[in-house]
């Protein structure tokens, strides 16, 4: 039971780490999209 709990905790930790990294990646991509949209608006204005 203790071994199973340790394994469960490891899996939870892995899940939380992956979830955190994916959320960070999503935020970074959203920021990049916003930057590109601003750049696109600027380029359209210049055009």
ModelCIF file with pLDDT and N, C-alpha, C, O atoms, coordinates in Angstrom:
data_MODEL
#
_entry.id   MODEL 
#
_entity.id                         1 
_entity.type                       polymer 
_entity.pdbx_number_of_molecules   1 
#
_entity_poly.entity_id                      1 
_entity_poly.type                           'polypeptide(L)' 
_entity_poly.nstd_linkage                   no 
_entity_poly.nstd_monomer                   no 
_entity_poly.pdbx_seq_one_letter_code       
;(UNK)(UNK)(UNK)(UNK)(UNK)(UNK)(UNK)(UNK)(UNK)(UNK)(UNK)(UNK)(UNK)(UNK)(UNK)(UNK)
(UNK)(UNK)(UNK)(UNK)(UNK)(UNK)(UNK)(UNK)(UNK)(UNK)(UNK)(UNK)(UNK)(UNK)(UNK)(UNK)
(UNK)(UNK)(UNK)(UNK)(UNK)(UNK)(UNK)(UNK)(UNK)(UNK)(UNK)(UNK)(UNK)(UNK)(UNK)
;
_entity_poly.pdbx_seq_one_letter_code_can   XXXXXXXXXXXXXXXXXXXXXXXXXXXXXXXXXXXXXXXXXXXXXXX 
_entity_poly.pdbx_strand_id                 A 
#
loop_
_entity_poly_seq.entity_id 
_entity_poly_seq.num 
_entity_poly_seq.mon_id 
_entity_poly_seq.hetero 
1 1  UNK n 
1 2  UNK n 
1 3  UNK n 
1 4  UNK n 
1 5  UNK n 
1 6  UNK n 
1 7  UNK n 
1 8  UNK n 
1 9  UNK n 
1 10 UNK n 
1 11 UNK n 
1 12 UNK n 
1 13 UNK n 
1 14 UNK n 
1 15 UNK n 
1 16 UNK n 
1 17 UNK n 
1 18 UNK n 
1 19 UNK n 
1 20 UNK n 
1 21 UNK n 
1 22 UNK n 
1 23 UNK n 
1 24 UNK n 
1 25 UNK n 
1 26 UNK n 
1 27 UNK n 
1 28 UNK n 
1 29 UNK n 
1 30 UNK n 
1 31 UNK n 
1 32 UNK n 
1 33 UNK n 
1 34 UNK n 
1 35 UNK n 
1 36 UNK n 
1 37 UNK n 
1 38 UNK n 
1 39 UNK n 
1 40 UNK n 
1 41 UNK n 
1 42 UNK n 
1 43 UNK n 
1 44 UNK n 
1 45 UNK n 
1 46 UNK n 
1 47 UNK n 
#
_struct_asym.id          A 
_struct_asym.entity_id   1 
#
loop_
_ma_qa_metric.id 
_ma_qa_metric.mode 
_ma_qa_metric.name 
_ma_qa_metric.software_group_id 
_ma_qa_metric.type 
1 global pLDDT . pLDDT 
2 local  pLDDT . pLDDT 
#
_ma_qa_metric_global.metric_id      1 
_ma_qa_metric_global.metric_value   96.55 
_ma_qa_metric_global.model_id       1 
_ma_qa_metric_global.ordinal_id     1 
#
loop_
_ma_qa_metric_local.label_asym_id 
_ma_qa_metric_local.label_comp_id 
_ma_qa_metric_local.label_seq_id 
_ma_qa_metric_local.metric_id 
_ma_qa_metric_local.metric_value 
_ma_qa_metric_local.model_id 
_ma_qa_metric_local.ordinal_id 
A UNK 1  2 95.00 1 1  
A UNK 2  2 97.00 1 2  
A UNK 3  2 96.00 1 3  
A UNK 4  2 96.00 1 4  
A UNK 5  2 97.00 1 5  
A UNK 6  2 97.00 1 6  
A UNK 7  2 96.00 1 7  
A UNK 8  2 96.00 1 8  
A UNK 9  2 97.00 1 9  
A UNK 10 2 97.00 1 10 
A UNK 11 2 97.00 1 11 
A UNK 12 2 97.00 1 12 
A UNK 13 2 97.00 1 13 
A UNK 14 2 97.00 1 14 
A UNK 15 2 97.00 1 15 
A UNK 16 2 97.00 1 16 
A UNK 17 2 97.00 1 17 
A UNK 18 2 97.00 1 18 
A UNK 19 2 97.00 1 19 
A UNK 20 2 97.00 1 20 
A UNK 21 2 97.00 1 21 
A UNK 22 2 97.00 1 22 
A UNK 23 2 97.00 1 23 
A UNK 24 2 97.00 1 24 
A UNK 25 2 97.00 1 25 
A UNK 26 2 98.00 1 26 
A UNK 27 2 97.00 1 27 
A UNK 28 2 97.00 1 28 
A UNK 29 2 97.00 1 29 
A UNK 30 2 97.00 1 30 
A UNK 31 2 97.00 1 31 
A UNK 32 2 97.00 1 32 
A UNK 33 2 97.00 1 33 
A UNK 34 2 97.00 1 34 
A UNK 35 2 97.00 1 35 
A UNK 36 2 96.00 1 36 
A UNK 37 2 96.00 1 37 
A UNK 38 2 96.00 1 38 
A UNK 39 2 96.00 1 39 
A UNK 40 2 96.00 1 40 
A UNK 41 2 95.00 1 41 
A UNK 42 2 96.00 1 42 
A UNK 43 2 96.00 1 43 
A UNK 44 2 95.00 1 44 
A UNK 45 2 94.00 1 45 
A UNK 46 2 96.00 1 46 
A UNK 47 2 96.00 1 47 
#
loop_
_atom_site.group_PDB 
_atom_site.id 
_atom_site.type_symbol 
_atom_site.label_atom_id 
_atom_site.label_alt_id 
_atom_site.label_comp_id 
_atom_site.label_asym_id 
_atom_site.label_entity_id 
_atom_site.label_seq_id 
_atom_site.pdbx_PDB_ins_code 
_atom_site.Cartn_x 
_atom_site.Cartn_y 
_atom_site.Cartn_z 
_atom_site.occupancy 
_atom_site.B_iso_or_equiv 
_atom_site.pdbx_formal_charge 
_atom_site.auth_seq_id 
_atom_site.auth_comp_id 
_atom_site.auth_asym_id 
_atom_site.auth_atom_id 
_atom_site.pdbx_PDB_model_num 
ATOM 1   N N  . UNK A 1 1  ? 0.826  -1.203 0.000   1.00 95.00 ? 1  UNK A N  1 
ATOM 2   C CA . UNK A 1 1  ? 0.000  0.000  0.000   1.00 95.00 ? 1  UNK A CA 1 
ATOM 3   C C  . UNK A 1 1  ? 0.866  1.261  0.000   1.00 95.00 ? 1  UNK A C  1 
ATOM 4   O O  . UNK A 1 1  ? 0.576  2.216  -0.720  1.00 95.00 ? 1  UNK A O  1 
ATOM 5   N N  . UNK A 1 2  ? 1.918  1.262  0.799   1.00 97.00 ? 2  UNK A N  1 
ATOM 6   C CA . UNK A 1 2  ? 2.829  2.413  0.847   1.00 97.00 ? 2  UNK A CA 1 
ATOM 7   C C  . UNK A 1 2  ? 3.536  2.578  -0.490  1.00 97.00 ? 2  UNK A C  1 
ATOM 8   O O  . UNK A 1 2  ? 3.688  3.696  -0.982  1.00 97.00 ? 2  UNK A O  1 
ATOM 9   N N  . UNK A 1 3  ? 3.974  1.451  -1.087  1.00 96.00 ? 3  UNK A N  1 
ATOM 10  C CA . UNK A 1 3  ? 4.605  1.524  -2.407  1.00 96.00 ? 3  UNK A CA 1 
ATOM 11  C C  . UNK A 1 3  ? 3.633  2.094  -3.439  1.00 96.00 ? 3  UNK A C  1 
ATOM 12  O O  . UNK A 1 3  ? 4.014  2.899  -4.289  1.00 96.00 ? 3  UNK A O  1 
ATOM 13  N N  . UNK A 1 4  ? 2.387  1.671  -3.355  1.00 96.00 ? 4  UNK A N  1 
ATOM 14  C CA . UNK A 1 4  ? 1.367  2.174  -4.267  1.00 96.00 ? 4  UNK A CA 1 
ATOM 15  C C  . UNK A 1 4  ? 1.133  3.667  -4.055  1.00 96.00 ? 4  UNK A C  1 
ATOM 16  O O  . UNK A 1 4  ? 0.975  4.415  -5.019  1.00 96.00 ? 4  UNK A O  1 
ATOM 17  N N  . UNK A 1 5  ? 1.110  4.100  -2.795  1.00 97.00 ? 5  UNK A N  1 
ATOM 18  C CA . UNK A 1 5  ? 0.942  5.525  -2.505  1.00 97.00 ? 5  UNK A CA 1 
ATOM 19  C C  . UNK A 1 5  ? 2.134  6.333  -3.020  1.00 97.00 ? 5  UNK A C  1 
ATOM 20  O O  . UNK A 1 5  ? 1.959  7.431  -3.548  1.00 97.00 ? 5  UNK A O  1 
ATOM 21  N N  . UNK A 1 6  ? 3.336  5.794  -2.868  1.00 97.00 ? 6  UNK A N  1 
ATOM 22  C CA . UNK A 1 6  ? 4.534  6.476  -3.380  1.00 97.00 ? 6  UNK A CA 1 
ATOM 23  C C  . UNK A 1 6  ? 4.440  6.604  -4.901  1.00 97.00 ? 6  UNK A C  1 
ATOM 24  O O  . UNK A 1 6  ? 4.713  7.668  -5.457  1.00 97.00 ? 6  UNK A O  1 
ATOM 25  N N  . UNK A 1 7  ? 4.057  5.533  -5.556  1.00 96.00 ? 7  UNK A N  1 
ATOM 26  C CA . UNK A 1 7  ? 3.922  5.557  -7.014  1.00 96.00 ? 7  UNK A CA 1 
ATOM 27  C C  . UNK A 1 7  ? 2.830  6.545  -7.438  1.00 96.00 ? 7  UNK A C  1 
ATOM 28  O O  . UNK A 1 7  ? 2.986  7.279  -8.414  1.00 96.00 ? 7  UNK A O  1 
ATOM 29  N N  . UNK A 1 8  ? 1.734  6.551  -6.694  1.00 96.00 ? 8  UNK A N  1 
ATOM 30  C CA . UNK A 1 8  ? 0.641  7.496  -6.985  1.00 96.00 ? 8  UNK A CA 1 
ATOM 31  C C  . UNK A 1 8  ? 1.122  8.930  -6.823  1.00 96.00 ? 8  UNK A C  1 
ATOM 32  O O  . UNK A 1 8  ? 0.816  9.788  -7.651  1.00 96.00 ? 8  UNK A O  1 
ATOM 33  N N  . UNK A 1 9  ? 1.874  9.192  -5.759  1.00 97.00 ? 9  UNK A N  1 
ATOM 34  C CA . UNK A 1 9  ? 2.407  10.541 -5.541  1.00 97.00 ? 9  UNK A CA 1 
ATOM 35  C C  . UNK A 1 9  ? 3.377  10.946 -6.645  1.00 97.00 ? 9  UNK A C  1 
ATOM 36  O O  . UNK A 1 9  ? 3.386  12.097 -7.081  1.00 97.00 ? 9  UNK A O  1 
ATOM 37  N N  . UNK A 1 10 ? 4.196  9.989  -7.095  1.00 97.00 ? 10 UNK A N  1 
ATOM 38  C CA . UNK A 1 10 ? 5.120  10.275 -8.197  1.00 97.00 ? 10 UNK A CA 1 
ATOM 39  C C  . UNK A 1 10 ? 4.339  10.625 -9.461  1.00 97.00 ? 10 UNK A C  1 
ATOM 40  O O  . UNK A 1 10 ? 4.693  11.559 -10.181 1.00 97.00 ? 10 UNK A O  1 
ATOM 41  N N  . UNK A 1 11 ? 3.273  9.867  -9.723  1.00 97.00 ? 11 UNK A N  1 
ATOM 42  C CA . UNK A 1 11 ? 2.454  10.127 -10.904 1.00 97.00 ? 11 UNK A CA 1 
ATOM 43  C C  . UNK A 1 11 ? 1.749  11.478 -10.788 1.00 97.00 ? 11 UNK A C  1 
ATOM 44  O O  . UNK A 1 11 ? 1.638  12.208 -11.773 1.00 97.00 ? 11 UNK A O  1 
ATOM 45  N N  . UNK A 1 12 ? 1.272  11.809 -9.589  1.00 97.00 ? 12 UNK A N  1 
ATOM 46  C CA . UNK A 1 12 ? 0.638  13.109 -9.381  1.00 97.00 ? 12 UNK A CA 1 
ATOM 47  C C  . UNK A 1 12 ? 1.654  14.227 -9.612  1.00 97.00 ? 12 UNK A C  1 
ATOM 48  O O  . UNK A 1 12 ? 1.342  15.232 -10.251 1.00 97.00 ? 12 UNK A O  1 
ATOM 49  N N  . UNK A 1 13 ? 2.869  14.050 -9.090  1.00 97.00 ? 13 UNK A N  1 
ATOM 50  C CA . UNK A 1 13 ? 3.922  15.052 -9.263  1.00 97.00 ? 13 UNK A CA 1 
ATOM 51  C C  . UNK A 1 13 ? 4.249  15.223 -10.741 1.00 97.00 ? 13 UNK A C  1 
ATOM 52  O O  . UNK A 1 13 ? 4.391  16.345 -11.227 1.00 97.00 ? 13 UNK A O  1 
ATOM 53  N N  . UNK A 1 14 ? 4.369  14.090 -11.461 1.00 97.00 ? 14 UNK A N  1 
ATOM 54  C CA . UNK A 1 14 ? 4.644  14.142 -12.895 1.00 97.00 ? 14 UNK A CA 1 
ATOM 55  C C  . UNK A 1 14 ? 3.511  14.869 -13.614 1.00 97.00 ? 14 UNK A C  1 
ATOM 56  O O  . UNK A 1 14 ? 3.762  15.714 -14.473 1.00 97.00 ? 14 UNK A O  1 
ATOM 57  N N  . UNK A 1 15 ? 2.262  14.542 -13.265 1.00 97.00 ? 15 UNK A N  1 
ATOM 58  C CA . UNK A 1 15 ? 1.102  15.182 -13.874 1.00 97.00 ? 15 UNK A CA 1 
ATOM 59  C C  . UNK A 1 15 ? 1.124  16.685 -13.611 1.00 97.00 ? 15 UNK A C  1 
ATOM 60  O O  . UNK A 1 15 ? 0.921  17.481 -14.527 1.00 97.00 ? 15 UNK A O  1 
ATOM 61  N N  . UNK A 1 16 ? 1.368  17.069 -12.370 1.00 97.00 ? 16 UNK A N  1 
ATOM 62  C CA . UNK A 1 16 ? 1.393  18.490 -12.020 1.00 97.00 ? 16 UNK A CA 1 
ATOM 63  C C  . UNK A 1 16 ? 2.509  19.212 -12.783 1.00 97.00 ? 16 UNK A C  1 
ATOM 64  O O  . UNK A 1 16 ? 2.310  20.327 -13.265 1.00 97.00 ? 16 UNK A O  1 
ATOM 65  N N  . UNK A 1 17 ? 3.675  18.579 -12.892 1.00 97.00 ? 17 UNK A N  1 
ATOM 66  C CA . UNK A 1 17 ? 4.800  19.177 -13.625 1.00 97.00 ? 17 UNK A CA 1 
ATOM 67  C C  . UNK A 1 17 ? 4.434  19.354 -15.101 1.00 97.00 ? 17 UNK A C  1 
ATOM 68  O O  . UNK A 1 17 ? 4.637  20.424 -15.675 1.00 97.00 ? 17 UNK A O  1 
ATOM 69  N N  . UNK A 1 18 ? 3.895  18.300 -15.703 1.00 97.00 ? 18 UNK A N  1 
ATOM 70  C CA . UNK A 1 18 ? 3.509  18.377 -17.113 1.00 97.00 ? 18 UNK A CA 1 
ATOM 71  C C  . UNK A 1 18 ? 2.426  19.435 -17.309 1.00 97.00 ? 18 UNK A C  1 
ATOM 72  O O  . UNK A 1 18 ? 2.481  20.225 -18.252 1.00 97.00 ? 18 UNK A O  1 
ATOM 73  N N  . UNK A 1 19 ? 1.458  19.444 -16.424 1.00 97.00 ? 19 UNK A N  1 
ATOM 74  C CA . UNK A 1 19 ? 0.367  20.410 -16.505 1.00 97.00 ? 19 UNK A CA 1 
ATOM 75  C C  . UNK A 1 19 ? 0.911  21.832 -16.407 1.00 97.00 ? 19 UNK A C  1 
ATOM 76  O O  . UNK A 1 19 ? 0.508  22.712 -17.167 1.00 97.00 ? 19 UNK A O  1 
ATOM 77  N N  . UNK A 1 20 ? 1.829  22.049 -15.465 1.00 97.00 ? 20 UNK A N  1 
ATOM 78  C CA . UNK A 1 20 ? 2.446  23.367 -15.288 1.00 97.00 ? 20 UNK A CA 1 
ATOM 79  C C  . UNK A 1 20 ? 3.211  23.776 -16.541 1.00 97.00 ? 20 UNK A C  1 
ATOM 80  O O  . UNK A 1 20 ? 3.077  24.905 -17.012 1.00 97.00 ? 20 UNK A O  1 
ATOM 81  N N  . UNK A 1 21 ? 4.007  22.868 -17.076 1.00 97.00 ? 21 UNK A N  1 
ATOM 82  C CA . UNK A 1 21 ? 4.788  23.177 -18.273 1.00 97.00 ? 21 UNK A CA 1 
ATOM 83  C C  . UNK A 1 21 ? 3.878  23.473 -19.466 1.00 97.00 ? 21 UNK A C  1 
ATOM 84  O O  . UNK A 1 21 ? 4.146  24.387 -20.245 1.00 97.00 ? 21 UNK A O  1 
ATOM 85  N N  . UNK A 1 22 ? 2.805  22.696 -19.602 1.00 97.00 ? 22 UNK A N  1 
ATOM 86  C CA . UNK A 1 22 ? 1.886  22.926 -20.720 1.00 97.00 ? 22 UNK A CA 1 
ATOM 87  C C  . UNK A 1 22 ? 1.163  24.260 -20.572 1.00 97.00 ? 22 UNK A C  1 
ATOM 88  O O  . UNK A 1 22 ? 0.960  24.974 -21.553 1.00 97.00 ? 22 UNK A O  1 
ATOM 89  N N  . UNK A 1 23 ? 0.773  24.595 -19.338 1.00 97.00 ? 23 UNK A N  1 
ATOM 90  C CA . UNK A 1 23 ? 0.129  25.892 -19.126 1.00 97.00 ? 23 UNK A CA 1 
ATOM 91  C C  . UNK A 1 23 ? 1.091  27.030 -19.445 1.00 97.00 ? 23 UNK A C  1 
ATOM 92  O O  . UNK A 1 23 ? 0.701  28.025 -20.056 1.00 97.00 ? 23 UNK A O  1 
ATOM 93  N N  . UNK A 1 24 ? 2.349  26.884 -19.031 1.00 97.00 ? 24 UNK A N  1 
ATOM 94  C CA . UNK A 1 24 ? 3.354  27.900 -19.359 1.00 97.00 ? 24 UNK A CA 1 
ATOM 95  C C  . UNK A 1 24 ? 3.537  28.023 -20.868 1.00 97.00 ? 24 UNK A C  1 
ATOM 96  O O  . UNK A 1 24 ? 3.655  29.123 -21.407 1.00 97.00 ? 24 UNK A O  1 
ATOM 97  N N  . UNK A 1 25 ? 3.559  26.865 -21.544 1.00 97.00 ? 25 UNK A N  1 
ATOM 98  C CA . UNK A 1 25 ? 3.722  26.869 -22.995 1.00 97.00 ? 25 UNK A CA 1 
ATOM 99  C C  . UNK A 1 25 ? 2.523  27.561 -23.647 1.00 97.00 ? 25 UNK A C  1 
ATOM 100 O O  . UNK A 1 25 ? 2.688  28.336 -24.590 1.00 97.00 ? 25 UNK A O  1 
ATOM 101 N N  . UNK A 1 26 ? 1.325  27.284 -23.149 1.00 98.00 ? 26 UNK A N  1 
ATOM 102 C CA . UNK A 1 26 ? 0.122  27.921 -23.699 1.00 98.00 ? 26 UNK A CA 1 
ATOM 103 C C  . UNK A 1 26 ? 0.185  29.428 -23.496 1.00 98.00 ? 26 UNK A C  1 
ATOM 104 O O  . UNK A 1 26 ? -0.120 30.195 -24.409 1.00 98.00 ? 26 UNK A O  1 
ATOM 105 N N  . UNK A 1 27 ? 0.582  29.853 -22.295 1.00 97.00 ? 27 UNK A N  1 
ATOM 106 C CA . UNK A 1 27 ? 0.694  31.287 -22.031 1.00 97.00 ? 27 UNK A CA 1 
ATOM 107 C C  . UNK A 1 27 ? 1.733  31.941 -22.939 1.00 97.00 ? 27 UNK A C  1 
ATOM 108 O O  . UNK A 1 27 ? 1.514  33.036 -23.457 1.00 97.00 ? 27 UNK A O  1 
ATOM 109 N N  . UNK A 1 28 ? 2.856  31.269 -23.126 1.00 97.00 ? 28 UNK A N  1 
ATOM 110 C CA . UNK A 1 28 ? 3.898  31.809 -23.996 1.00 97.00 ? 28 UNK A CA 1 
ATOM 111 C C  . UNK A 1 28 ? 3.380  31.925 -25.434 1.00 97.00 ? 28 UNK A C  1 
ATOM 112 O O  . UNK A 1 28 ? 3.631  32.920 -26.115 1.00 97.00 ? 28 UNK A O  1 
ATOM 113 N N  . UNK A 1 29 ? 2.660  30.905 -25.884 1.00 97.00 ? 29 UNK A N  1 
ATOM 114 C CA . UNK A 1 29 ? 2.116  30.946 -27.247 1.00 97.00 ? 29 UNK A CA 1 
ATOM 115 C C  . UNK A 1 29 ? 1.041  32.022 -27.386 1.00 97.00 ? 29 UNK A C  1 
ATOM 116 O O  . UNK A 1 29 ? 0.961  32.694 -28.415 1.00 97.00 ? 29 UNK A O  1 
ATOM 117 N N  . UNK A 1 30 ? 0.219  32.184 -26.355 1.00 97.00 ? 30 UNK A N  1 
ATOM 118 C CA . UNK A 1 30 ? -0.787 33.245 -26.396 1.00 97.00 ? 30 UNK A CA 1 
ATOM 119 C C  . UNK A 1 30 ? -0.113 34.615 -26.459 1.00 97.00 ? 30 UNK A C  1 
ATOM 120 O O  . UNK A 1 30 ? -0.550 35.497 -27.198 1.00 97.00 ? 30 UNK A O  1 
ATOM 121 N N  . UNK A 1 31 ? 0.960  34.786 -25.674 1.00 97.00 ? 31 UNK A N  1 
ATOM 122 C CA . UNK A 1 31 ? 1.705  36.045 -25.733 1.00 97.00 ? 31 UNK A CA 1 
ATOM 123 C C  . UNK A 1 31 ? 2.285  36.266 -27.124 1.00 97.00 ? 31 UNK A C  1 
ATOM 124 O O  . UNK A 1 31 ? 2.247  37.377 -27.655 1.00 97.00 ? 31 UNK A O  1 
ATOM 125 N N  . UNK A 1 32 ? 2.821  35.200 -27.706 1.00 97.00 ? 32 UNK A N  1 
ATOM 126 C CA . UNK A 1 32 ? 3.400  35.310 -29.056 1.00 97.00 ? 32 UNK A CA 1 
ATOM 127 C C  . UNK A 1 32 ? 2.321  35.677 -30.070 1.00 97.00 ? 32 UNK A C  1 
ATOM 128 O O  . UNK A 1 32 ? 2.559  36.483 -30.970 1.00 97.00 ? 32 UNK A O  1 
ATOM 129 N N  . UNK A 1 33 ? 1.135  35.088 -29.926 1.00 97.00 ? 33 UNK A N  1 
ATOM 130 C CA . UNK A 1 33 ? 0.023  35.405 -30.830 1.00 97.00 ? 33 UNK A CA 1 
ATOM 131 C C  . UNK A 1 33 ? -0.353 36.882 -30.688 1.00 97.00 ? 33 UNK A C  1 
ATOM 132 O O  . UNK A 1 33 ? -0.579 37.570 -31.683 1.00 97.00 ? 33 UNK A O  1 
ATOM 133 N N  . UNK A 1 34 ? -0.416 37.361 -29.443 1.00 97.00 ? 34 UNK A N  1 
ATOM 134 C CA . UNK A 1 34 ? -0.738 38.771 -29.230 1.00 97.00 ? 34 UNK A CA 1 
ATOM 135 C C  . UNK A 1 34 ? 0.330  39.680 -29.846 1.00 97.00 ? 34 UNK A C  1 
ATOM 136 O O  . UNK A 1 34 ? 0.008  40.693 -30.468 1.00 97.00 ? 34 UNK A O  1 
ATOM 137 N N  . UNK A 1 35 ? 1.593  39.314 -29.670 1.00 97.00 ? 35 UNK A N  1 
ATOM 138 C CA . UNK A 1 35 ? 2.676  40.095 -30.273 1.00 97.00 ? 35 UNK A CA 1 
ATOM 139 C C  . UNK A 1 35 ? 2.531  40.126 -31.792 1.00 97.00 ? 35 UNK A C  1 
ATOM 140 O O  . UNK A 1 35 ? 2.682  41.175 -32.419 1.00 97.00 ? 35 UNK A O  1 
ATOM 141 N N  . UNK A 1 36 ? 2.237  38.961 -32.378 1.00 96.00 ? 36 UNK A N  1 
ATOM 142 C CA . UNK A 1 36 ? 2.085  38.891 -33.831 1.00 96.00 ? 36 UNK A CA 1 
ATOM 143 C C  . UNK A 1 36 ? 0.875  39.689 -34.304 1.00 96.00 ? 36 UNK A C  1 
ATOM 144 O O  . UNK A 1 36 ? 0.913  40.320 -35.360 1.00 96.00 ? 36 UNK A O  1 
ATOM 145 N N  . UNK A 1 37 ? -0.206 39.659 -33.510 1.00 96.00 ? 37 UNK A N  1 
ATOM 146 C CA . UNK A 1 37 ? -1.384 40.444 -33.876 1.00 96.00 ? 37 UNK A CA 1 
ATOM 147 C C  . UNK A 1 37 ? -1.066 41.937 -33.836 1.00 96.00 ? 37 UNK A C  1 
ATOM 148 O O  . UNK A 1 37 ? -1.466 42.692 -34.724 1.00 96.00 ? 37 UNK A O  1 
ATOM 149 N N  . UNK A 1 38 ? -0.332 42.360 -32.781 1.00 96.00 ? 38 UNK A N  1 
ATOM 150 C CA . UNK A 1 38 ? 0.070  43.768 -32.709 1.00 96.00 ? 38 UNK A CA 1 
ATOM 151 C C  . UNK A 1 38 ? 0.981  44.141 -33.865 1.00 96.00 ? 38 UNK A C  1 
ATOM 152 O O  . UNK A 1 38 ? 0.841  45.205 -34.469 1.00 96.00 ? 38 UNK A O  1 
ATOM 153 N N  . UNK A 1 39 ? 1.913  43.254 -34.161 1.00 96.00 ? 39 UNK A N  1 
ATOM 154 C CA . UNK A 1 39 ? 2.839  43.491 -35.278 1.00 96.00 ? 39 UNK A CA 1 
ATOM 155 C C  . UNK A 1 39 ? 2.051  43.545 -36.589 1.00 96.00 ? 39 UNK A C  1 
ATOM 156 O O  . UNK A 1 39 ? 2.333  44.376 -37.453 1.00 96.00 ? 39 UNK A O  1 
ATOM 157 N N  . UNK A 1 40 ? 1.074  42.667 -36.731 1.00 96.00 ? 40 UNK A N  1 
ATOM 158 C CA . UNK A 1 40 ? 0.252  42.645 -37.935 1.00 96.00 ? 40 UNK A CA 1 
ATOM 159 C C  . UNK A 1 40 ? -0.537 43.943 -38.064 1.00 96.00 ? 40 UNK A C  1 
ATOM 160 O O  . UNK A 1 40 ? -0.639 44.505 -39.155 1.00 96.00 ? 40 UNK A O  1 
ATOM 161 N N  . UNK A 1 41 ? -1.099 44.424 -36.944 1.00 95.00 ? 41 UNK A N  1 
ATOM 162 C CA . UNK A 1 41 ? -1.823 45.691 -36.975 1.00 95.00 ? 41 UNK A CA 1 
ATOM 163 C C  . UNK A 1 41 ? -0.885 46.838 -37.365 1.00 95.00 ? 41 UNK A C  1 
ATOM 164 O O  . UNK A 1 41 ? -1.255 47.724 -38.135 1.00 95.00 ? 41 UNK A O  1 
ATOM 165 N N  . UNK A 1 42 ? 0.326  46.804 -36.824 1.00 96.00 ? 42 UNK A N  1 
ATOM 166 C CA . UNK A 1 42 ? 1.311  47.843 -37.146 1.00 96.00 ? 42 UNK A CA 1 
ATOM 167 C C  . UNK A 1 42 ? 1.663  47.793 -38.628 1.00 96.00 ? 42 UNK A C  1 
ATOM 168 O O  . UNK A 1 42 ? 1.726  48.825 -39.296 1.00 96.00 ? 42 UNK A O  1 
ATOM 169 N N  . UNK A 1 43 ? 1.891  46.582 -39.134 1.00 96.00 ? 43 UNK A N  1 
ATOM 170 C CA . UNK A 1 43 ? 2.241  46.418 -40.548 1.00 96.00 ? 43 UNK A CA 1 
ATOM 171 C C  . UNK A 1 43 ? 1.072  46.856 -41.425 1.00 96.00 ? 43 UNK A C  1 
ATOM 172 O O  . UNK A 1 43 ? 1.281  47.494 -42.457 1.00 96.00 ? 43 UNK A O  1 
ATOM 173 N N  . UNK A 1 44 ? -0.158 46.519 -41.025 1.00 95.00 ? 44 UNK A N  1 
ATOM 174 C CA . UNK A 1 44 ? -1.320 46.946 -41.805 1.00 95.00 ? 44 UNK A CA 1 
ATOM 175 C C  . UNK A 1 44 ? -1.438 48.469 -41.812 1.00 95.00 ? 44 UNK A C  1 
ATOM 176 O O  . UNK A 1 44 ? -1.768 49.074 -42.832 1.00 95.00 ? 44 UNK A O  1 
ATOM 177 N N  . UNK A 1 45 ? -1.161 49.080 -40.657 1.00 94.00 ? 45 UNK A N  1 
ATOM 178 C CA . UNK A 1 45 ? -1.173 50.543 -40.599 1.00 94.00 ? 45 UNK A CA 1 
ATOM 179 C C  . UNK A 1 45 ? -0.127 51.145 -41.505 1.00 94.00 ? 45 UNK A C  1 
ATOM 180 O O  . UNK A 1 45 ? -0.399 52.104 -42.226 1.00 94.00 ? 45 UNK A O  1 
ATOM 181 N N  . UNK A 1 46 ? 1.071  50.587 -41.474 1.00 96.00 ? 46 UNK A N  1 
ATOM 182 C CA . UNK A 1 46 ? 2.143  51.071 -42.346 1.00 96.00 ? 46 UNK A CA 1 
ATOM 183 C C  . UNK A 1 46 ? 1.785  50.862 -43.811 1.00 96.00 ? 46 UNK A C  1 
ATOM 184 O O  . UNK A 1 46 ? 2.043  51.724 -44.650 1.00 96.00 ? 46 UNK A O  1 
ATOM 185 N N  . UNK A 1 47 ? 1.190  49.709 -44.113 1.00 96.00 ? 47 UNK A N  1 
ATOM 186 C CA . UNK A 1 47 ? 0.786  49.416 -45.492 1.00 96.00 ? 47 UNK A CA 1 
ATOM 187 C C  . UNK A 1 47 ? -0.237 50.445 -45.971 1.00 96.00 ? 47 UNK A C  1 
ATOM 188 O O  . UNK A 1 47 ? -0.701 50.371 -47.108 1.00 96.00 ? 47 UNK A O  1 
#
